[in-house]
């Protein structure tokens, strides 16, 4: 949402907003919320549990308490109901992985001016490929788990038989579309490195006989396993430039039956591209980390679909928490 009026206070609050993010990220990295669990502990005890300096820990606990993430009574700290649900690792709604991913890309954001000058990604410190990959994949899984059941229940796929979840990673959406539609089978198509995660997700929800994984690179390989009568493309196009996006849509359409439904889930910009705020900022995230990626406007995505022969294109009445939206059309 755009700032109505920029004051000195609003400018300072925006400029220092990363302080809040860094405090949250540090608390997640140190597993403070998980260590507290259902307990009330003093700062020295939390410092011992996290192998941290008592003075530093007291300052961090007070800061996240001031943010409302922890509750403080006398010298004791405890989780708020929200942090107990969202930031403790034993919770089914744990959001820590995506917060760790945000921490891992912070070094790049500090060099945004360089990325803007060069138009290219910047060099960033590495936390290790496996660590970064786990944070990203688990973060995407946790976010999708918050959205997929509701999306699947509210999109009518009755009478359709075969779904392609393109670049589906852990396959969260394929699984939930199939759970909501007993006559539907699904294929998760992604690079081979996500196979084990996807197969774990499929097994967890008991749909092994209906959802399978196929490995490949959508930018270079043909799509196997068709024809499909539903295709779901979620947060894949923003990692690619317009030409590759058109190629991806062309390949998808070619693998579908006439009358098939293609759905694109993205952070969609207004046609003027100066809003909503999150998709506009997300284009900067792509600039920092990706040589070609960007957020696209509804007009741009619609043009890509039309170029591939898709018709009856419409935007579904859905808005995600980061201004994600769904466009669909008929092949």
C-alpha atoms as a PDB file:
ATOM      1  CA  UNK A   1       0.000   0.000   0.000  1.00  0.00           C
ATOM      2  CA  UNK A   2       1.397   3.382  -0.997  1.00  0.00           C
ATOM      3  CA  UNK A   3       2.374   5.830   1.732  1.00  0.00           C
ATOM      4  CA  UNK A   4      -0.207   8.618   1.837  1.00  0.00           C
ATOM      5  CA  UNK A   5       2.273  11.242   2.962  1.00  0.00           C
ATOM      6  CA  UNK A   6       6.023  11.006   3.382  1.00  0.00           C
ATOM      7  CA  UNK A   7       7.176  12.690   6.581  1.00  0.00           C
ATOM      8  CA  UNK A   8      10.600  12.674   8.209  1.00  0.00           C
ATOM      9  CA  UNK A   9       9.322  10.005  10.595  1.00  0.00           C
ATOM     10  CA  UNK A  10       7.973   7.853   7.775  1.00  0.00           C
ATOM     11  CA  UNK A  11      11.277   8.114   5.909  1.00  0.00           C
ATOM     12  CA  UNK A  12      13.291   7.135   8.982  1.00  0.00           C
ATOM     13  CA  UNK A  13      10.938   4.261   9.723  1.00  0.00           C
ATOM     14  CA  UNK A  14      11.314   2.920   6.199  1.00  0.00           C
ATOM     15  CA  UNK A  15      15.091   3.409   6.113  1.00  0.00           C
ATOM     16  CA  UNK A  16      15.562   1.521   9.393  1.00  0.00           C
ATOM     17  CA  UNK A  17      12.907  -1.138   8.740  1.00  0.00           C
ATOM     18  CA  UNK A  18      15.640  -3.705   8.134  1.00  0.00           C
ATOM     19  CA  UNK A  19      16.517  -3.460  11.849  1.00  0.00           C
ATOM     20  CA  UNK A  20      13.228  -5.202  12.657  1.00  0.00           C
ATOM     21  CA  UNK A  21      13.810  -7.829   9.986  1.00  0.00           C
ATOM     22  CA  UNK A  22      17.343  -8.504  11.185  1.00  0.00           C
ATOM     23  CA  UNK A  23      16.188  -8.840  14.802  1.00  0.00           C
ATOM     24  CA  UNK A  24      13.543 -11.363  13.756  1.00  0.00           C
ATOM     25  CA  UNK A  25      16.016 -13.250  11.565  1.00  0.00           C
ATOM     26  CA  UNK A  26      18.611 -13.382  14.342  1.00  0.00           C
ATOM     27  CA  UNK A  27      16.028 -14.737  16.781  1.00  0.00           C
ATOM     28  CA  UNK A  28      15.050 -17.442  14.280  1.00  0.00           C
ATOM     29  CA  UNK A  29      18.684 -18.308  13.508  1.00  0.00           C
ATOM     30  CA  UNK A  30      19.353 -18.685  17.238  1.00  0.00           C
ATOM     31  CA  UNK A  31      16.125 -20.741  17.609  1.00  0.00           C
ATOM     32  CA  UNK A  32      15.010 -18.514  20.478  1.00  0.00           C
ATOM     33  CA  UNK A  33      11.299 -19.116  19.884  1.00  0.00           C
ATOM     34  CA  UNK A  34      11.807 -22.886  19.679  1.00  0.00           C
ATOM     35  CA  UNK A  35      13.962 -22.931  22.817  1.00  0.00           C
ATOM     36  CA  UNK A  36      11.265 -21.032  24.715  1.00  0.00           C
ATOM     37  CA  UNK A  37       8.438 -23.258  23.478  1.00  0.00           C
ATOM     38  CA  UNK A  38       5.776 -23.161  26.175  1.00  0.00           C
ATOM     39  CA  UNK A  39       8.178 -21.989  28.898  1.00  0.00           C
ATOM     40  CA  UNK A  40       8.975 -18.676  30.599  1.00  0.00           C
ATOM     41  CA  UNK A  41      12.736 -18.176  30.826  1.00  0.00           C
ATOM     42  CA  UNK A  42      15.115 -15.409  31.835  1.00  0.00           C
ATOM     43  CA  UNK A  43      17.744 -13.975  29.510  1.00  0.00           C
ATOM     44  CA  UNK A  44      20.659 -15.852  31.104  1.00  0.00           C
ATOM     45  CA  UNK A  45      18.916 -19.194  30.616  1.00  0.00           C
ATOM     46  CA  UNK A  46      18.081 -18.423  26.979  1.00  0.00           C
ATOM     47  CA  UNK A  47      21.701 -17.345  26.458  1.00  0.00           C
ATOM     48  CA  UNK A  48      22.894 -20.680  27.887  1.00  0.00           C
ATOM     49  CA  UNK A  49      20.479 -22.635  25.684  1.00  0.00           C
ATOM     50  CA  UNK A  50      21.655 -20.830  22.552  1.00  0.00           C
ATOM     51  CA  UNK A  51      25.369 -20.551  23.438  1.00  0.00           C
ATOM     52  CA  UNK A  52      25.072 -16.761  23.241  1.00  0.00           C
ATOM     53  CA  UNK A  53      26.481 -13.824  25.179  1.00  0.00           C
ATOM     54  CA  UNK A  54      24.110 -12.870  28.065  1.00  0.00           C
ATOM     55  CA  UNK A  55      24.306  -9.133  27.340  1.00  0.00           C
ATOM     56  CA  UNK A  56      23.650  -9.579  23.629  1.00  0.00           C
ATOM     57  CA  UNK A  57      20.819 -12.006  24.306  1.00  0.00           C
ATOM     58  CA  UNK A  58      19.134  -9.638  26.756  1.00  0.00           C
ATOM     59  CA  UNK A  59      19.197  -6.846  24.172  1.00  0.00           C
ATOM     60  CA  UNK A  60      17.769  -9.118  21.457  1.00  0.00           C
ATOM     61  CA  UNK A  61      15.038 -10.492  23.732  1.00  0.00           C
ATOM     62  CA  UNK A  62      14.030  -6.952  24.721  1.00  0.00           C
ATOM     63  CA  UNK A  63      13.980  -5.863  21.079  1.00  0.00           C
ATOM     64  CA  UNK A  64      11.750  -8.698  19.871  1.00  0.00           C
ATOM     65  CA  UNK A  65       9.568  -8.162  22.954  1.00  0.00           C
ATOM     66  CA  UNK A  66       9.227  -4.507  21.969  1.00  0.00           C
ATOM     67  CA  UNK A  67       8.115  -5.725  18.528  1.00  0.00           C
ATOM     68  CA  UNK A  68       5.416  -7.854  20.190  1.00  0.00           C
ATOM     69  CA  UNK A  69       6.990 -11.159  19.190  1.00  0.00           C
ATOM     70  CA  UNK A  70       7.731 -12.137  22.795  1.00  0.00           C
ATOM     71  CA  UNK A  71       5.935 -11.407  26.059  1.00  0.00           C
ATOM     72  CA  UNK A  72       7.957 -10.141  29.030  1.00  0.00           C
ATOM     73  CA  UNK A  73       6.882 -10.396  32.664  1.00  0.00           C
ATOM     74  CA  UNK A  74       9.434  -9.154  35.215  1.00  0.00           C
ATOM     75  CA  UNK A  75      12.652 -10.792  33.957  1.00  0.00           C
ATOM     76  CA  UNK A  76      10.966 -13.697  32.185  1.00  0.00           C
ATOM     77  CA  UNK A  77      10.283 -14.055  28.460  1.00  0.00           C
ATOM     78  CA  UNK A  78       7.752 -16.263  26.699  1.00  0.00           C
ATOM     79  CA  UNK A  79       6.277 -16.739  23.247  1.00  0.00           C
ATOM     80  CA  UNK A  80       3.178 -14.881  22.186  1.00  0.00           C
ATOM     81  CA  UNK A  81       0.381 -17.128  20.870  1.00  0.00           C
ATOM     82  CA  UNK A  82       1.349 -16.127  17.325  1.00  0.00           C
ATOM     83  CA  UNK A  83       5.058 -16.864  17.685  1.00  0.00           C
ATOM     84  CA  UNK A  84       4.291 -20.183  19.383  1.00  0.00           C
ATOM     85  CA  UNK A  85       2.345 -21.164  16.266  1.00  0.00           C
ATOM     86  CA  UNK A  86       4.496 -19.601  13.541  1.00  0.00           C
ATOM     87  CA  UNK A  87       8.082 -19.544  14.831  1.00  0.00           C
ATOM     88  CA  UNK A  88       8.533 -22.731  16.882  1.00  0.00           C
ATOM     89  CA  UNK A  89      10.037 -25.563  14.870  1.00  0.00           C
ATOM     90  CA  UNK A  90       7.679 -28.171  16.322  1.00  0.00           C
ATOM     91  CA  UNK A  91       4.630 -26.343  14.899  1.00  0.00           C
ATOM     92  CA  UNK A  92       2.955 -27.419  11.678  1.00  0.00           C
ATOM     93  CA  UNK A  93       2.723 -23.726  10.719  1.00  0.00           C
ATOM     94  CA  UNK A  94       6.441 -22.945  11.175  1.00  0.00           C
ATOM     95  CA  UNK A  95       7.582 -19.985   9.032  1.00  0.00           C
ATOM     96  CA  UNK A  96      11.229 -19.979  10.045  1.00  0.00           C
ATOM     97  CA  UNK A  97      12.583 -21.395   6.783  1.00  0.00           C
ATOM     98  CA  UNK A  98      11.411 -18.501   4.619  1.00  0.00           C
ATOM     99  CA  UNK A  99      12.694 -16.062   7.255  1.00  0.00           C
ATOM    100  CA  UNK A 100      16.104 -17.763   7.038  1.00  0.00           C
ATOM    101  CA  UNK A 101      15.930 -17.419   3.244  1.00  0.00           C
ATOM    102  CA  UNK A 102      15.294 -13.689   3.673  1.00  0.00           C
ATOM    103  CA  UNK A 103      18.381 -13.511   5.893  1.00  0.00           C
ATOM    104  CA  UNK A 104      20.476 -15.343   3.300  1.00  0.00           C
ATOM    105  CA  UNK A 105      19.624 -12.820   0.561  1.00  0.00           C
ATOM    106  CA  UNK A 106      20.058  -9.749   2.796  1.00  0.00           C
ATOM    107  CA  UNK A 107      23.650  -9.223   1.689  1.00  0.00           C
ATOM    108  CA  UNK A 108      22.434  -8.823  -1.887  1.00  0.00           C
ATOM    109  CA  UNK A 109      19.835  -6.224  -0.935  1.00  0.00           C
ATOM    110  CA  UNK A 110      22.565  -4.180   0.757  1.00  0.00           C
ATOM    111  CA  UNK A 111      24.133  -3.879  -2.713  1.00  0.00           C
ATOM    112  CA  UNK A 112      20.951  -2.880  -4.551  1.00  0.00           C
ATOM    113  CA  UNK A 113      22.530   0.316  -5.867  1.00  0.00           C
ATOM    114  CA  UNK A 114      25.242  -1.758  -7.561  1.00  0.00           C
ATOM    115  CA  UNK A 115      22.648  -4.058  -9.123  1.00  0.00           C
ATOM    116  CA  UNK A 116      20.743  -1.044 -10.443  1.00  0.00           C
ATOM    117  CA  UNK A 117      23.931   0.460 -11.905  1.00  0.00           C
ATOM    118  CA  UNK A 118      25.060  -2.751 -13.574  1.00  0.00           C
ATOM    119  CA  UNK A 119      21.682  -4.330 -14.330  1.00  0.00           C
ATOM    120  CA  UNK A 120      23.087  -7.644 -13.122  1.00  0.00           C
ATOM    121  CA  UNK A 121      23.084  -9.840 -10.007  1.00  0.00           C
ATOM    122  CA  UNK A 122      25.607  -9.019  -7.290  1.00  0.00           C
ATOM    123  CA  UNK A 123      28.086 -11.229  -5.443  1.00  0.00           C
ATOM    124  CA  UNK A 124      26.805 -12.312  -2.039  1.00  0.00           C
ATOM    125  CA  UNK A 125      28.198 -14.171   0.914  1.00  0.00           C
ATOM    126  CA  UNK A 126      27.395 -17.880   0.857  1.00  0.00           C
ATOM    127  CA  UNK A 127      25.854 -19.824   3.711  1.00  0.00           C
ATOM    128  CA  UNK A 128      26.427 -23.076   1.827  1.00  0.00           C
ATOM    129  CA  UNK A 129      24.465 -24.400  -1.144  1.00  0.00           C
ATOM    130  CA  UNK A 130      22.681 -27.107   0.853  1.00  0.00           C
ATOM    131  CA  UNK A 131      21.706 -24.713   3.649  1.00  0.00           C
ATOM    132  CA  UNK A 132      20.378 -22.091   1.242  1.00  0.00           C
ATOM    133  CA  UNK A 133      18.538 -24.680  -0.828  1.00  0.00           C
ATOM    134  CA  UNK A 134      16.846 -26.167   2.237  1.00  0.00           C
ATOM    135  CA  UNK A 135      15.718 -22.742   3.474  1.00  0.00           C
ATOM    136  CA  UNK A 136      14.309 -21.857   0.054  1.00  0.00           C
ATOM    137  CA  UNK A 137      12.533 -25.152  -0.644  1.00  0.00           C
ATOM    138  CA  UNK A 138      11.152 -25.523   2.873  1.00  0.00           C
ATOM    139  CA  UNK A 139      10.147 -21.860   2.858  1.00  0.00           C
ATOM    140  CA  UNK A 140       8.257 -22.308  -0.419  1.00  0.00           C
ATOM    141  CA  UNK A 141       6.627 -25.444   0.970  1.00  0.00           C
ATOM    142  CA  UNK A 142       5.467 -23.685   4.139  1.00  0.00           C
ATOM    143  CA  UNK A 143       4.072 -20.734   2.172  1.00  0.00           C
ATOM    144  CA  UNK A 144       2.296 -23.038  -0.274  1.00  0.00           C
ATOM    145  CA  UNK A 145       0.827 -25.056   2.584  1.00  0.00           C
ATOM    146  CA  UNK A 146      -0.860 -21.881   3.779  1.00  0.00           C
ATOM    147  CA  UNK A 147      -2.435 -21.245   0.357  1.00  0.00           C
ATOM    148  CA  UNK A 148      -2.849 -24.520  -1.520  1.00  0.00           C
ATOM    149  CA  UNK A 149      -5.782 -26.069   0.390  1.00  0.00           C
ATOM    150  CA  UNK A 150      -7.939 -22.948  -0.004  1.00  0.00           C
ATOM    151  CA  UNK A 151      -7.002 -22.453  -3.661  1.00  0.00           C
ATOM    152  CA  UNK A 152      -7.722 -26.092  -4.491  1.00  0.00           C
ATOM    153  CA  UNK A 153     -11.108 -25.993  -2.784  1.00  0.00           C
ATOM    154  CA  UNK A 154     -12.174 -22.851  -4.657  1.00  0.00           C
ATOM    155  CA  UNK A 155     -11.154 -23.735  -8.233  1.00  0.00           C
ATOM    156  CA  UNK A 156     -13.565 -26.051 -10.003  1.00  0.00           C
ATOM    157  CA  UNK A 157     -11.607 -28.877 -11.673  1.00  0.00           C
ATOM    158  CA  UNK A 158     -14.496 -31.335 -11.761  1.00  0.00           C
ATOM    159  CA  UNK A 159     -14.411 -33.527 -14.860  1.00  0.00           C
ATOM    160  CA  UNK A 160     -10.704 -32.968 -15.406  1.00  0.00           C
ATOM    161  CA  UNK A 161      -8.338 -35.924 -15.243  1.00  0.00           C
ATOM    162  CA  UNK A 162      -4.672 -35.032 -15.552  1.00  0.00           C
ATOM    163  CA  UNK A 163      -2.846 -32.077 -13.990  1.00  0.00           C
ATOM    164  CA  UNK A 164       0.651 -30.758 -14.675  1.00  0.00           C
ATOM    165  CA  UNK A 165       2.295 -28.885 -11.789  1.00  0.00           C
ATOM    166  CA  UNK A 166       5.065 -27.149 -13.704  1.00  0.00           C
ATOM    167  CA  UNK A 167       8.159 -26.295 -11.661  1.00  0.00           C
ATOM    168  CA  UNK A 168       6.194 -27.697  -8.753  1.00  0.00           C
ATOM    169  CA  UNK A 169       9.080 -28.252  -6.324  1.00  0.00           C
ATOM    170  CA  UNK A 170       7.642 -30.226  -3.394  1.00  0.00           C
ATOM    171  CA  UNK A 171       4.343 -30.639  -5.263  1.00  0.00           C
ATOM    172  CA  UNK A 172       2.193 -28.983  -2.617  1.00  0.00           C
ATOM    173  CA  UNK A 173      -0.317 -27.652  -5.127  1.00  0.00           C
ATOM    174  CA  UNK A 174      -0.509 -30.886  -7.154  1.00  0.00           C
ATOM    175  CA  UNK A 175      -1.217 -32.801  -3.958  1.00  0.00           C
ATOM    176  CA  UNK A 176      -3.982 -30.466  -2.803  1.00  0.00           C
ATOM    177  CA  UNK A 177      -5.624 -30.179  -6.212  1.00  0.00           C
ATOM    178  CA  UNK A 178      -5.802 -33.978  -6.278  1.00  0.00           C
ATOM    179  CA  UNK A 179      -7.087 -34.188  -2.699  1.00  0.00           C
ATOM    180  CA  UNK A 180      -9.870 -31.747  -3.597  1.00  0.00           C
ATOM    181  CA  UNK A 181     -10.707 -33.609  -6.842  1.00  0.00           C
ATOM    182  CA  UNK A 182     -10.865 -37.407  -6.415  1.00  0.00           C
ATOM    183  CA  UNK A 183     -10.917 -38.016 -10.194  1.00  0.00           C
ATOM    184  CA  UNK A 184      -7.724 -36.020 -10.813  1.00  0.00           C
ATOM    185  CA  UNK A 185      -4.179 -37.372 -11.191  1.00  0.00           C
ATOM    186  CA  UNK A 186      -1.120 -35.126 -11.179  1.00  0.00           C
ATOM    187  CA  UNK A 187       2.450 -34.866 -12.432  1.00  0.00           C
ATOM    188  CA  UNK A 188       5.032 -32.695 -10.656  1.00  0.00           C
ATOM    189  CA  UNK A 189       7.621 -31.555 -13.184  1.00  0.00           C
ATOM    190  CA  UNK A 190      10.829 -30.009 -11.850  1.00  0.00           C
ATOM    191  CA  UNK A 191      14.561 -30.467 -11.748  1.00  0.00           C
ATOM    192  CA  UNK A 192      15.837 -33.746 -10.325  1.00  0.00           C
ATOM    193  CA  UNK A 193      17.125 -32.117  -7.132  1.00  0.00           C
ATOM    194  CA  UNK A 194      13.560 -31.669  -5.860  1.00  0.00           C
ATOM    195  CA  UNK A 195      12.505 -35.292  -6.429  1.00  0.00           C
ATOM    196  CA  UNK A 196      13.055 -36.582  -2.884  1.00  0.00           C
ATOM    197  CA  UNK A 197      11.240 -33.618  -1.335  1.00  0.00           C
ATOM    198  CA  UNK A 198       8.310 -34.022  -3.729  1.00  0.00           C
ATOM    199  CA  UNK A 199       8.039 -37.755  -3.109  1.00  0.00           C
ATOM    200  CA  UNK A 200       8.071 -37.153   0.651  1.00  0.00           C
ATOM    201  CA  UNK A 201       5.206 -34.662   0.278  1.00  0.00           C
ATOM    202  CA  UNK A 202       3.207 -37.041  -1.910  1.00  0.00           C
ATOM    203  CA  UNK A 203       3.688 -39.873   0.588  1.00  0.00           C
ATOM    204  CA  UNK A 204       2.824 -37.642   3.541  1.00  0.00           C
ATOM    205  CA  UNK A 205      -0.615 -36.961   2.067  1.00  0.00           C
ATOM    206  CA  UNK A 206      -1.175 -40.531   0.874  1.00  0.00           C
ATOM    207  CA  UNK A 207      -1.537 -39.828  -2.855  1.00  0.00           C
ATOM    208  CA  UNK A 208       1.373 -41.942  -4.121  1.00  0.00           C
ATOM    209  CA  UNK A 209      -0.811 -43.698  -6.681  1.00  0.00           C
ATOM    210  CA  UNK A 210      -2.148 -40.448  -8.112  1.00  0.00           C
ATOM    211  CA  UNK A 211       0.712 -37.934  -8.071  1.00  0.00           C
ATOM    212  CA  UNK A 212       4.061 -38.730  -9.680  1.00  0.00           C
ATOM    213  CA  UNK A 213       7.308 -36.823 -10.201  1.00  0.00           C
ATOM    214  CA  UNK A 214       9.044 -36.316 -13.554  1.00  0.00           C
ATOM    215  CA  UNK A 215      12.468 -34.660 -13.750  1.00  0.00           C
ATOM    216  CA  UNK A 216      13.637 -32.185 -16.370  1.00  0.00           C
ATOM    217  CA  UNK A 217      14.447 -28.582 -17.202  1.00  0.00           C
ATOM    218  CA  UNK A 218      11.483 -26.708 -18.664  1.00  0.00           C
ATOM    219  CA  UNK A 219      13.797 -24.276 -20.459  1.00  0.00           C
ATOM    220  CA  UNK A 220      15.607 -27.008 -22.431  1.00  0.00           C
ATOM    221  CA  UNK A 221      13.678 -30.293 -22.237  1.00  0.00           C
ATOM    222  CA  UNK A 222      10.360 -31.373 -23.769  1.00  0.00           C
ATOM    223  CA  UNK A 223       7.442 -31.884 -21.391  1.00  0.00           C
ATOM    224  CA  UNK A 224       6.747 -35.595 -20.828  1.00  0.00           C
ATOM    225  CA  UNK A 225       3.630 -37.416 -19.698  1.00  0.00           C
ATOM    226  CA  UNK A 226       0.947 -35.525 -21.587  1.00  0.00           C
ATOM    227  CA  UNK A 227      -1.567 -34.738 -22.711  1.00  0.00           C
ATOM    228  CA  UNK A 228      -2.840 -32.773 -19.723  1.00  0.00           C
ATOM    229  CA  UNK A 229      -6.175 -31.060 -19.266  1.00  0.00           C
ATOM    230  CA  UNK A 230      -5.012 -28.798 -16.409  1.00  0.00           C
ATOM    231  CA  UNK A 231      -1.699 -26.957 -16.003  1.00  0.00           C
ATOM    232  CA  UNK A 232      -0.630 -25.054 -12.890  1.00  0.00           C
ATOM    233  CA  UNK A 233       2.369 -22.702 -13.193  1.00  0.00           C
ATOM    234  CA  UNK A 234       3.097 -21.178  -9.787  1.00  0.00           C
ATOM    235  CA  UNK A 235       5.936 -18.683  -9.185  1.00  0.00           C
ATOM    236  CA  UNK A 236       7.977 -19.989 -12.099  1.00  0.00           C
ATOM    237  CA  UNK A 237       7.705 -17.250 -14.708  1.00  0.00           C
ATOM    238  CA  UNK A 238       9.189 -14.525 -12.510  1.00  0.00           C
ATOM    239  CA  UNK A 239      12.536 -16.343 -12.596  1.00  0.00           C
ATOM    240  CA  UNK A 240      12.758 -15.897 -16.371  1.00  0.00           C
ATOM    241  CA  UNK A 241      12.825 -13.147 -18.980  1.00  0.00           C
ATOM    242  CA  UNK A 242       9.874 -12.553 -21.331  1.00  0.00           C
ATOM    243  CA  UNK A 243      11.180 -14.723 -24.183  1.00  0.00           C
ATOM    244  CA  UNK A 244      11.726 -17.743 -21.954  1.00  0.00           C
ATOM    245  CA  UNK A 245       8.327 -17.193 -20.320  1.00  0.00           C
ATOM    246  CA  UNK A 246       6.725 -17.327 -23.760  1.00  0.00           C
ATOM    247  CA  UNK A 247       8.617 -20.542 -24.510  1.00  0.00           C
ATOM    248  CA  UNK A 248       7.455 -22.079 -21.229  1.00  0.00           C
ATOM    249  CA  UNK A 249       3.831 -21.209 -21.962  1.00  0.00           C
ATOM    250  CA  UNK A 250       4.169 -22.486 -25.553  1.00  0.00           C
ATOM    251  CA  UNK A 251       5.530 -25.825 -24.317  1.00  0.00           C
ATOM    252  CA  UNK A 252       2.805 -26.111 -21.732  1.00  0.00           C
ATOM    253  CA  UNK A 253       0.032 -25.382 -24.223  1.00  0.00           C
ATOM    254  CA  UNK A 254       1.525 -27.905 -26.672  1.00  0.00           C
ATOM    255  CA  UNK A 255       1.357 -30.593 -23.961  1.00  0.00           C
ATOM    256  CA  UNK A 256      -2.341 -29.945 -23.258  1.00  0.00           C
ATOM    257  CA  UNK A 257      -5.596 -31.201 -24.706  1.00  0.00           C
ATOM    258  CA  UNK A 258      -7.915 -28.753 -26.496  1.00  0.00           C
ATOM    259  CA  UNK A 259     -10.171 -27.218 -23.870  1.00  0.00           C
ATOM    260  CA  UNK A 260      -7.535 -27.636 -21.187  1.00  0.00           C
ATOM    261  CA  UNK A 261      -7.260 -25.098 -18.367  1.00  0.00           C
ATOM    262  CA  UNK A 262      -3.961 -23.277 -17.837  1.00  0.00           C
ATOM    263  CA  UNK A 263      -3.433 -21.319 -14.595  1.00  0.00           C
ATOM    264  CA  UNK A 264      -0.622 -18.911 -13.767  1.00  0.00           C
ATOM    265  CA  UNK A 265      -0.001 -17.951 -10.124  1.00  0.00           C
ATOM    266  CA  UNK A 266       2.363 -14.991  -9.758  1.00  0.00           C
ATOM    267  CA  UNK A 267       3.064 -11.727  -7.962  1.00  0.00           C
ATOM    268  CA  UNK A 268       1.179  -9.676 -10.561  1.00  0.00           C
ATOM    269  CA  UNK A 269       1.896  -5.992 -11.118  1.00  0.00           C
ATOM    270  CA  UNK A 270      -0.672  -3.412 -12.106  1.00  0.00           C
ATOM    271  CA  UNK A 271      -0.407  -2.557 -15.787  1.00  0.00           C
ATOM    272  CA  UNK A 272       1.249   0.743 -14.812  1.00  0.00           C
ATOM    273  CA  UNK A 273       3.848  -1.324 -12.880  1.00  0.00           C
ATOM    274  CA  UNK A 274       3.938   1.100  -9.930  1.00  0.00           C
ATOM    275  CA  UNK A 275       2.016  -1.248  -7.672  1.00  0.00           C
ATOM    276  CA  UNK A 276       1.152  -3.268  -5.726  1.00  0.00           C
ATOM    277  CA  UNK A 277       4.196  -2.685  -3.548  1.00  0.00           C
ATOM    278  CA  UNK A 278       5.303  -6.303  -3.048  1.00  0.00           C
ATOM    279  CA  UNK A 279       5.452  -7.286  -6.742  1.00  0.00           C
ATOM    280  CA  UNK A 280       7.259  -4.013  -7.519  1.00  0.00           C
ATOM    281  CA  UNK A 281       9.852  -4.710  -4.811  1.00  0.00           C
ATOM    282  CA  UNK A 282      10.046  -8.335  -5.924  1.00  0.00           C
ATOM    283  CA  UNK A 283      11.343  -7.207  -9.327  1.00  0.00           C
ATOM    284  CA  UNK A 284      14.270  -5.670  -7.429  1.00  0.00           C
ATOM    285  CA  UNK A 285      14.816  -8.984  -5.641  1.00  0.00           C
ATOM    286  CA  UNK A 286      15.057 -10.637  -9.049  1.00  0.00           C
ATOM    287  CA  UNK A 287      17.481  -7.953 -10.263  1.00  0.00           C
ATOM    288  CA  UNK A 288      19.788  -8.650  -7.321  1.00  0.00           C
ATOM    289  CA  UNK A 289      19.686 -12.431  -7.641  1.00  0.00           C
ATOM    290  CA  UNK A 290      18.733 -13.323 -11.212  1.00  0.00           C
ATOM    291  CA  UNK A 291      20.025 -12.082 -14.587  1.00  0.00           C
ATOM    292  CA  UNK A 292      16.611 -12.079 -16.281  1.00  0.00           C
ATOM    293  CA  UNK A 293      13.766 -12.466 -13.767  1.00  0.00           C
ATOM    294  CA  UNK A 294      11.096  -9.912 -12.922  1.00  0.00           C
ATOM    295  CA  UNK A 295       7.513  -9.528 -11.796  1.00  0.00           C
ATOM    296  CA  UNK A 296       5.044  -9.198 -14.696  1.00  0.00           C
ATOM    297  CA  UNK A 297       1.893  -7.168 -15.121  1.00  0.00           C
ATOM    298  CA  UNK A 298      -1.485  -8.702 -15.850  1.00  0.00           C
ATOM    299  CA  UNK A 299      -1.319  -7.145 -19.315  1.00  0.00           C
ATOM    300  CA  UNK A 300       2.057  -8.781 -20.028  1.00  0.00           C
ATOM    301  CA  UNK A 301       0.980 -12.220 -18.808  1.00  0.00           C
ATOM    302  CA  UNK A 302      -2.278 -11.990 -20.743  1.00  0.00           C
ATOM    303  CA  UNK A 303      -0.357 -11.125 -23.932  1.00  0.00           C
ATOM    304  CA  UNK A 304       1.910 -14.161 -23.437  1.00  0.00           C
ATOM    305  CA  UNK A 305      -1.090 -16.449 -23.031  1.00  0.00           C
ATOM    306  CA  UNK A 306      -2.840 -15.029 -26.070  1.00  0.00           C
ATOM    307  CA  UNK A 307       0.320 -15.412 -28.165  1.00  0.00           C
ATOM    308  CA  UNK A 308       0.254 -19.138 -27.334  1.00  0.00           C
ATOM    309  CA  UNK A 309      -3.375 -19.426 -28.421  1.00  0.00           C
ATOM    310  CA  UNK A 310      -4.980 -19.339 -24.990  1.00  0.00           C
ATOM    311  CA  UNK A 311      -8.440 -17.729 -24.873  1.00  0.00           C
ATOM    312  CA  UNK A 312     -11.134 -16.859 -22.328  1.00  0.00           C
ATOM    313  CA  UNK A 313      -8.428 -15.413 -20.071  1.00  0.00           C
ATOM    314  CA  UNK A 314      -9.591 -14.083 -16.710  1.00  0.00           C
ATOM    315  CA  UNK A 315      -8.270 -13.226 -13.279  1.00  0.00           C
ATOM    316  CA  UNK A 316      -9.691 -15.351 -10.490  1.00  0.00           C
ATOM    317  CA  UNK A 317     -11.083 -13.715  -7.316  1.00  0.00           C
ATOM    318  CA  UNK A 318      -8.031 -14.587  -5.238  1.00  0.00           C
ATOM    319  CA  UNK A 319      -5.385 -12.406  -3.608  1.00  0.00           C
ATOM    320  CA  UNK A 320      -2.496 -13.927  -1.708  1.00  0.00           C
ATOM    321  CA  UNK A 321      -0.825 -12.362   1.316  1.00  0.00           C
ATOM    322  CA  UNK A 322       1.984 -10.923  -0.868  1.00  0.00           C
ATOM    323  CA  UNK A 323      -0.365  -9.732  -3.618  1.00  0.00           C
ATOM    324  CA  UNK A 324      -0.105 -12.950  -5.582  1.00  0.00           C
ATOM    325  CA  UNK A 325      -2.929 -13.559  -8.048  1.00  0.00           C
ATOM    326  CA  UNK A 326      -4.104 -16.224 -10.499  1.00  0.00           C
ATOM    327  CA  UNK A 327      -4.757 -15.814 -14.208  1.00  0.00           C
ATOM    328  CA  UNK A 328      -6.441 -18.655 -16.057  1.00  0.00           C
ATOM    329  CA  UNK A 329      -7.408 -19.376 -19.645  1.00  0.00           C
ATOM    330  CA  UNK A 330      -8.550 -22.134 -21.967  1.00  0.00           C
ATOM    331  CA  UNK A 331      -6.295 -23.861 -24.499  1.00  0.00           C
END
